Amino acid sequence: MTKALFIKHNTKRAVPKKMGAWLEQKEKVKELLASEEYKTLMKKRSTECETVFNQTKGNPGFRNFHLRGKAKAGTEWGLLMIRYDFKQLVRLMNA
């Protein structure tokens, strides 16, 4: 059994240093991020779902659910979605 090299970070525990596997993984991710298919996917995602979540959570200042339990949180999320739908409806009516 070989000893692993450890690097100290700003945490209280040491992290094993396995550079070979890490560098391979880093190269794979770099290639994936550079591909045209990925760029197209990310451009599509940013216009489809990121905008909706920002408009429903970020703009009105919604940070966390005020009610507890899955059913109550679902009701609260439903009310947020109704608000978003009305906002879109008003925007379309004024256009």
N, C-alpha and C. Protein backbone atom coordinates (compact mmCIF):
# COMPACT_ATOMS: atom_id res chain seq x y z
N MET A 1 0.84 -1.17 0.00
CA MET A 1 0.00 0.00 0.00
C MET A 1 0.89 1.24 0.00
N THR A 2 0.60 2.18 -0.89
CA THR A 2 1.43 3.38 -0.98
C THR A 2 0.80 4.51 -0.20
N LYS A 3 1.63 5.40 0.23
CA LYS A 3 1.14 6.58 0.95
C LYS A 3 0.67 7.61 -0.06
N ALA A 4 -0.46 8.22 0.21
CA ALA A 4 -0.97 9.28 -0.66
C ALA A 4 -0.40 10.62 -0.18
N LEU A 5 -0.11 11.47 -1.12
CA LEU A 5 0.33 12.82 -0.76
C LEU A 5 -0.88 13.63 -0.36
N PHE A 6 -0.70 14.49 0.60
CA PHE A 6 -1.82 15.30 1.07
C PHE A 6 -1.49 16.77 0.91
N ILE A 7 -2.52 17.52 0.53
CA ILE A 7 -2.39 18.97 0.40
C ILE A 7 -3.29 19.60 1.45
N LYS A 8 -2.78 20.54 2.19
CA LYS A 8 -3.60 21.25 3.17
C LYS A 8 -4.34 22.39 2.47
N HIS A 9 -5.61 22.45 2.70
CA HIS A 9 -6.43 23.55 2.19
C HIS A 9 -6.89 24.37 3.39
N ASN A 10 -7.81 25.25 3.17
CA ASN A 10 -8.33 26.09 4.25
C ASN A 10 -9.33 25.34 5.12
N THR A 11 -9.36 24.04 5.01
CA THR A 11 -10.24 23.24 5.85
C THR A 11 -9.41 22.53 6.91
N LYS A 12 -10.07 21.89 7.84
CA LYS A 12 -9.37 21.20 8.91
C LYS A 12 -8.88 19.82 8.51
N ARG A 13 -9.34 19.31 7.36
CA ARG A 13 -8.92 17.99 6.95
C ARG A 13 -8.03 18.10 5.71
N ALA A 14 -7.24 17.10 5.50
CA ALA A 14 -6.33 17.08 4.35
C ALA A 14 -7.03 16.39 3.18
N VAL A 15 -6.70 16.80 1.97
CA VAL A 15 -7.29 16.24 0.76
C VAL A 15 -6.23 15.44 0.03
N PRO A 16 -6.51 14.18 -0.36
CA PRO A 16 -5.50 13.40 -1.07
C PRO A 16 -5.20 14.00 -2.44
N LYS A 17 -3.96 13.97 -2.82
CA LYS A 17 -3.52 14.53 -4.10
C LYS A 17 -3.35 13.40 -5.10
N LYS A 18 -4.25 13.30 -6.04
CA LYS A 18 -4.18 12.30 -7.09
C LYS A 18 -4.21 13.06 -8.42
N MET A 19 -3.08 13.58 -8.81
CA MET A 19 -3.00 14.49 -9.94
C MET A 19 -3.31 13.82 -11.27
N GLY A 20 -2.91 12.58 -11.47
CA GLY A 20 -3.12 11.93 -12.76
C GLY A 20 -4.58 11.85 -13.14
N ALA A 21 -5.40 11.28 -12.27
CA ALA A 21 -6.83 11.14 -12.54
C ALA A 21 -7.51 12.50 -12.61
N TRP A 22 -7.06 13.42 -11.78
CA TRP A 22 -7.66 14.74 -11.75
C TRP A 22 -7.40 15.49 -13.05
N LEU A 23 -6.18 15.40 -13.56
CA LEU A 23 -5.85 16.07 -14.81
C LEU A 23 -6.61 15.49 -15.99
N GLU A 24 -6.79 14.17 -16.00
CA GLU A 24 -7.58 13.54 -17.06
C GLU A 24 -9.02 14.03 -17.04
N GLN A 25 -9.57 14.08 -15.85
CA GLN A 25 -10.95 14.54 -15.71
C GLN A 25 -11.07 16.01 -16.11
N LYS A 26 -10.10 16.80 -15.74
CA LYS A 26 -10.10 18.22 -16.09
C LYS A 26 -10.06 18.41 -17.61
N GLU A 27 -9.29 17.60 -18.30
CA GLU A 27 -9.21 17.69 -19.76
C GLU A 27 -10.54 17.29 -20.41
N LYS A 28 -11.19 16.24 -19.88
CA LYS A 28 -12.48 15.81 -20.42
C LYS A 28 -13.51 16.91 -20.28
N VAL A 29 -13.54 17.56 -19.12
CA VAL A 29 -14.50 18.64 -18.88
C VAL A 29 -14.19 19.82 -19.79
N LYS A 30 -12.93 20.13 -19.98
CA LYS A 30 -12.53 21.23 -20.84
C LYS A 30 -13.00 20.99 -22.28
N GLU A 31 -12.84 19.75 -22.76
CA GLU A 31 -13.29 19.40 -24.10
C GLU A 31 -14.80 19.49 -24.21
N LEU A 32 -15.51 19.03 -23.18
CA LEU A 32 -16.97 19.10 -23.17
C LEU A 32 -17.45 20.54 -23.22
N LEU A 33 -16.85 21.39 -22.41
CA LEU A 33 -17.28 22.79 -22.37
C LEU A 33 -16.98 23.52 -23.67
N ALA A 34 -15.97 23.08 -24.40
CA ALA A 34 -15.60 23.73 -25.66
C ALA A 34 -16.44 23.25 -26.84
N SER A 35 -17.19 22.19 -26.69
CA SER A 35 -17.94 21.64 -27.82
C SER A 35 -19.13 22.54 -28.18
N GLU A 36 -19.46 22.55 -29.45
CA GLU A 36 -20.58 23.36 -29.94
C GLU A 36 -21.91 22.86 -29.40
N GLU A 37 -22.03 21.55 -29.23
CA GLU A 37 -23.27 20.98 -28.70
C GLU A 37 -23.55 21.50 -27.29
N TYR A 38 -22.51 21.57 -26.47
CA TYR A 38 -22.67 22.07 -25.10
C TYR A 38 -23.02 23.55 -25.10
N LYS A 39 -22.37 24.33 -25.95
CA LYS A 39 -22.66 25.76 -26.01
C LYS A 39 -24.10 26.01 -26.43
N THR A 40 -24.59 25.24 -27.39
CA THR A 40 -25.98 25.36 -27.83
C THR A 40 -26.94 24.99 -26.69
N LEU A 41 -26.62 23.91 -26.00
CA LEU A 41 -27.45 23.47 -24.88
C LEU A 41 -27.51 24.53 -23.79
N MET A 42 -26.38 25.11 -23.43
CA MET A 42 -26.35 26.11 -22.36
C MET A 42 -27.07 27.40 -22.79
N LYS A 43 -26.96 27.77 -24.04
CA LYS A 43 -27.67 28.96 -24.52
C LYS A 43 -29.18 28.73 -24.45
N LYS A 44 -29.63 27.53 -24.82
CA LYS A 44 -31.04 27.19 -24.77
C LYS A 44 -31.52 27.16 -23.31
N ARG A 45 -30.72 26.59 -22.43
CA ARG A 45 -31.10 26.49 -21.02
C ARG A 45 -31.24 27.87 -20.39
N SER A 46 -30.32 28.77 -20.72
CA SER A 46 -30.36 30.09 -20.08
C SER A 46 -31.62 30.85 -20.46
N THR A 47 -32.15 30.61 -21.66
CA THR A 47 -33.37 31.32 -22.04
C THR A 47 -34.62 30.60 -21.57
N GLU A 48 -34.55 29.30 -21.34
CA GLU A 48 -35.74 28.56 -20.98
C GLU A 48 -36.03 28.54 -19.48
N CYS A 49 -35.11 28.03 -18.69
CA CYS A 49 -35.45 27.82 -17.28
C CYS A 49 -34.82 28.83 -16.33
N GLU A 50 -33.63 29.32 -16.61
CA GLU A 50 -32.98 30.24 -15.68
C GLU A 50 -33.79 31.52 -15.52
N THR A 51 -34.36 32.02 -16.60
CA THR A 51 -35.16 33.24 -16.56
C THR A 51 -36.39 33.06 -15.68
N VAL A 52 -37.06 31.93 -15.83
CA VAL A 52 -38.27 31.68 -15.05
C VAL A 52 -37.96 31.64 -13.56
N PHE A 53 -36.89 30.93 -13.18
CA PHE A 53 -36.55 30.85 -11.76
C PHE A 53 -36.14 32.20 -11.20
N ASN A 54 -35.45 33.00 -11.99
CA ASN A 54 -35.08 34.32 -11.53
C ASN A 54 -36.30 35.20 -11.34
N GLN A 55 -37.23 35.14 -12.29
CA GLN A 55 -38.43 35.97 -12.19
C GLN A 55 -39.37 35.52 -11.08
N THR A 56 -39.36 34.23 -10.75
CA THR A 56 -40.26 33.76 -9.70
C THR A 56 -39.64 33.87 -8.31
N LYS A 57 -38.32 33.66 -8.21
CA LYS A 57 -37.68 33.66 -6.90
C LYS A 57 -36.88 34.92 -6.62
N GLY A 58 -36.06 35.34 -7.57
CA GLY A 58 -35.14 36.43 -7.32
C GLY A 58 -35.78 37.81 -7.29
N ASN A 59 -36.59 38.10 -8.29
CA ASN A 59 -37.16 39.44 -8.39
C ASN A 59 -38.11 39.80 -7.25
N PRO A 60 -39.06 38.93 -6.86
CA PRO A 60 -39.92 39.31 -5.74
C PRO A 60 -39.28 39.10 -4.37
N GLY A 61 -38.06 38.60 -4.34
CA GLY A 61 -37.36 38.42 -3.07
C GLY A 61 -37.72 37.13 -2.35
N PHE A 62 -38.17 36.12 -3.07
CA PHE A 62 -38.52 34.84 -2.47
C PHE A 62 -37.25 34.05 -2.21
N ARG A 63 -36.92 33.81 -0.95
CA ARG A 63 -35.70 33.10 -0.60
C ARG A 63 -35.96 31.69 -0.05
N ASN A 64 -37.01 31.52 0.70
CA ASN A 64 -37.32 30.19 1.22
C ASN A 64 -38.83 30.09 1.47
N PHE A 65 -39.28 28.85 1.61
CA PHE A 65 -40.70 28.62 1.86
C PHE A 65 -41.04 29.03 3.28
N HIS A 66 -42.21 29.60 3.45
CA HIS A 66 -42.65 30.02 4.78
C HIS A 66 -43.47 28.94 5.48
N LEU A 67 -43.99 27.99 4.71
CA LEU A 67 -44.79 26.90 5.26
C LEU A 67 -43.97 25.62 5.29
N ARG A 68 -44.27 24.74 6.21
CA ARG A 68 -43.54 23.49 6.35
C ARG A 68 -44.38 22.32 5.83
N GLY A 69 -43.71 21.32 5.32
CA GLY A 69 -44.39 20.14 4.79
C GLY A 69 -44.44 20.20 3.27
N LYS A 70 -44.41 19.02 2.66
CA LYS A 70 -44.37 18.94 1.21
C LYS A 70 -45.64 19.51 0.56
N ALA A 71 -46.79 19.21 1.12
CA ALA A 71 -48.05 19.68 0.54
C ALA A 71 -48.17 21.20 0.66
N LYS A 72 -47.83 21.75 1.82
CA LYS A 72 -47.93 23.19 2.01
C LYS A 72 -46.91 23.94 1.16
N ALA A 73 -45.69 23.39 1.06
CA ALA A 73 -44.67 24.02 0.21
C ALA A 73 -45.11 23.96 -1.25
N GLY A 74 -45.76 22.86 -1.65
CA GLY A 74 -46.29 22.75 -3.01
C GLY A 74 -47.36 23.78 -3.28
N THR A 75 -48.21 24.04 -2.29
CA THR A 75 -49.23 25.07 -2.43
C THR A 75 -48.59 26.44 -2.58
N GLU A 76 -47.58 26.71 -1.78
CA GLU A 76 -46.89 28.00 -1.85
C GLU A 76 -46.21 28.17 -3.22
N TRP A 77 -45.59 27.10 -3.71
CA TRP A 77 -44.95 27.17 -5.03
C TRP A 77 -46.01 27.38 -6.12
N GLY A 78 -47.17 26.74 -5.97
CA GLY A 78 -48.27 26.94 -6.92
C GLY A 78 -48.72 28.39 -6.97
N LEU A 79 -48.80 29.03 -5.80
CA LEU A 79 -49.17 30.45 -5.77
C LEU A 79 -48.12 31.32 -6.46
N LEU A 80 -46.86 30.97 -6.28
CA LEU A 80 -45.81 31.71 -6.99
C LEU A 80 -45.93 31.54 -8.50
N MET A 81 -46.27 30.34 -8.94
CA MET A 81 -46.42 30.10 -10.38
C MET A 81 -47.63 30.83 -10.94
N ILE A 82 -48.72 30.91 -10.17
CA ILE A 82 -49.89 31.67 -10.60
C ILE A 82 -49.52 33.14 -10.76
N ARG A 83 -48.72 33.66 -9.81
CA ARG A 83 -48.26 35.05 -9.90
C ARG A 83 -47.45 35.26 -11.18
N TYR A 84 -46.57 34.30 -11.49
CA TYR A 84 -45.75 34.40 -12.69
C TYR A 84 -46.64 34.36 -13.94
N ASP A 85 -47.64 33.46 -13.96
CA ASP A 85 -48.54 33.36 -15.11
C ASP A 85 -49.32 34.66 -15.32
N PHE A 86 -49.82 35.25 -14.23
CA PHE A 86 -50.54 36.52 -14.35
C PHE A 86 -49.63 37.63 -14.88
N LYS A 87 -48.42 37.63 -14.41
CA LYS A 87 -47.45 38.64 -14.86
C LYS A 87 -47.22 38.51 -16.38
N GLN A 88 -47.07 37.26 -16.85
CA GLN A 88 -46.88 37.03 -18.29
C GLN A 88 -48.13 37.40 -19.07
N LEU A 89 -49.30 37.11 -18.52
CA LEU A 89 -50.56 37.44 -19.18
C LEU A 89 -50.71 38.95 -19.35
N VAL A 90 -50.40 39.70 -18.29
CA VAL A 90 -50.46 41.18 -18.36
C VAL A 90 -49.47 41.70 -19.38
N ARG A 91 -48.28 41.10 -19.40
CA ARG A 91 -47.27 41.53 -20.38
C ARG A 91 -47.75 41.30 -21.81
N LEU A 92 -48.41 40.16 -22.07
CA LEU A 92 -48.90 39.87 -23.40
C LEU A 92 -50.08 40.76 -23.78
N MET A 93 -50.91 41.09 -22.81
CA MET A 93 -52.07 41.96 -23.09
C MET A 93 -51.64 43.38 -23.42
N ASN A 94 -50.56 43.83 -22.81
CA ASN A 94 -50.08 45.19 -23.05
C ASN A 94 -49.23 45.29 -24.31
N ALA A 95 -48.84 44.17 -24.88
CA ALA A 95 -47.97 44.20 -26.07
C ALA A 95 -48.71 44.53 -27.33
